[in-house]
C-alpha cells in the first residue's frame, strides 16, 4: 500500500512562489507515474501536472503551463510542484497522486490514480 503525504501549502500573495512536496512510502515509488490534482471550492478536481516514472513524459494543464514545474527524486521518493506567478484562481486543495499507469489530459479521470494524499491547501490572496 502506497502512502502519500503532501507538505508546503500555505498563504501566498498574487505573483508569489510556493513549492509543494509529496513523500511516498510503502511501495515502489520509482515505478509510478506521479502527479498533482487540485480542487478549488465549488469546482471539480483538475489534473494539474503529471510526471512519468522515468521522467520521459510530462503533462501540465493549460491553466498552469509555463508557471508550474513538476519534478521527482526517485532516491528520496519525493515529487514536487514548483508554483510561480501564482494567481487567485490557483487557490485550491492540492493532492499528490500516483499510479503505475501514466494518465494525463482530459481523458484522464481522477479514479485512474489509485493513490492519493490527504491534500494541502494553497491560498493565493493579498
Foldseek 3Di string as FASTA:
>chain_A
DKAKAKDWADEAAAQAKTKMKIAIDDDQLLLKKKFKWWDDPPDDIDTAKIAGSVRPDIDGDPVQPPFWDWDDDSVRRMIMIIGGSDDQVVWTWMKMFIDNDDDDDPVDDPVRTPYIYPTGTHGHHD
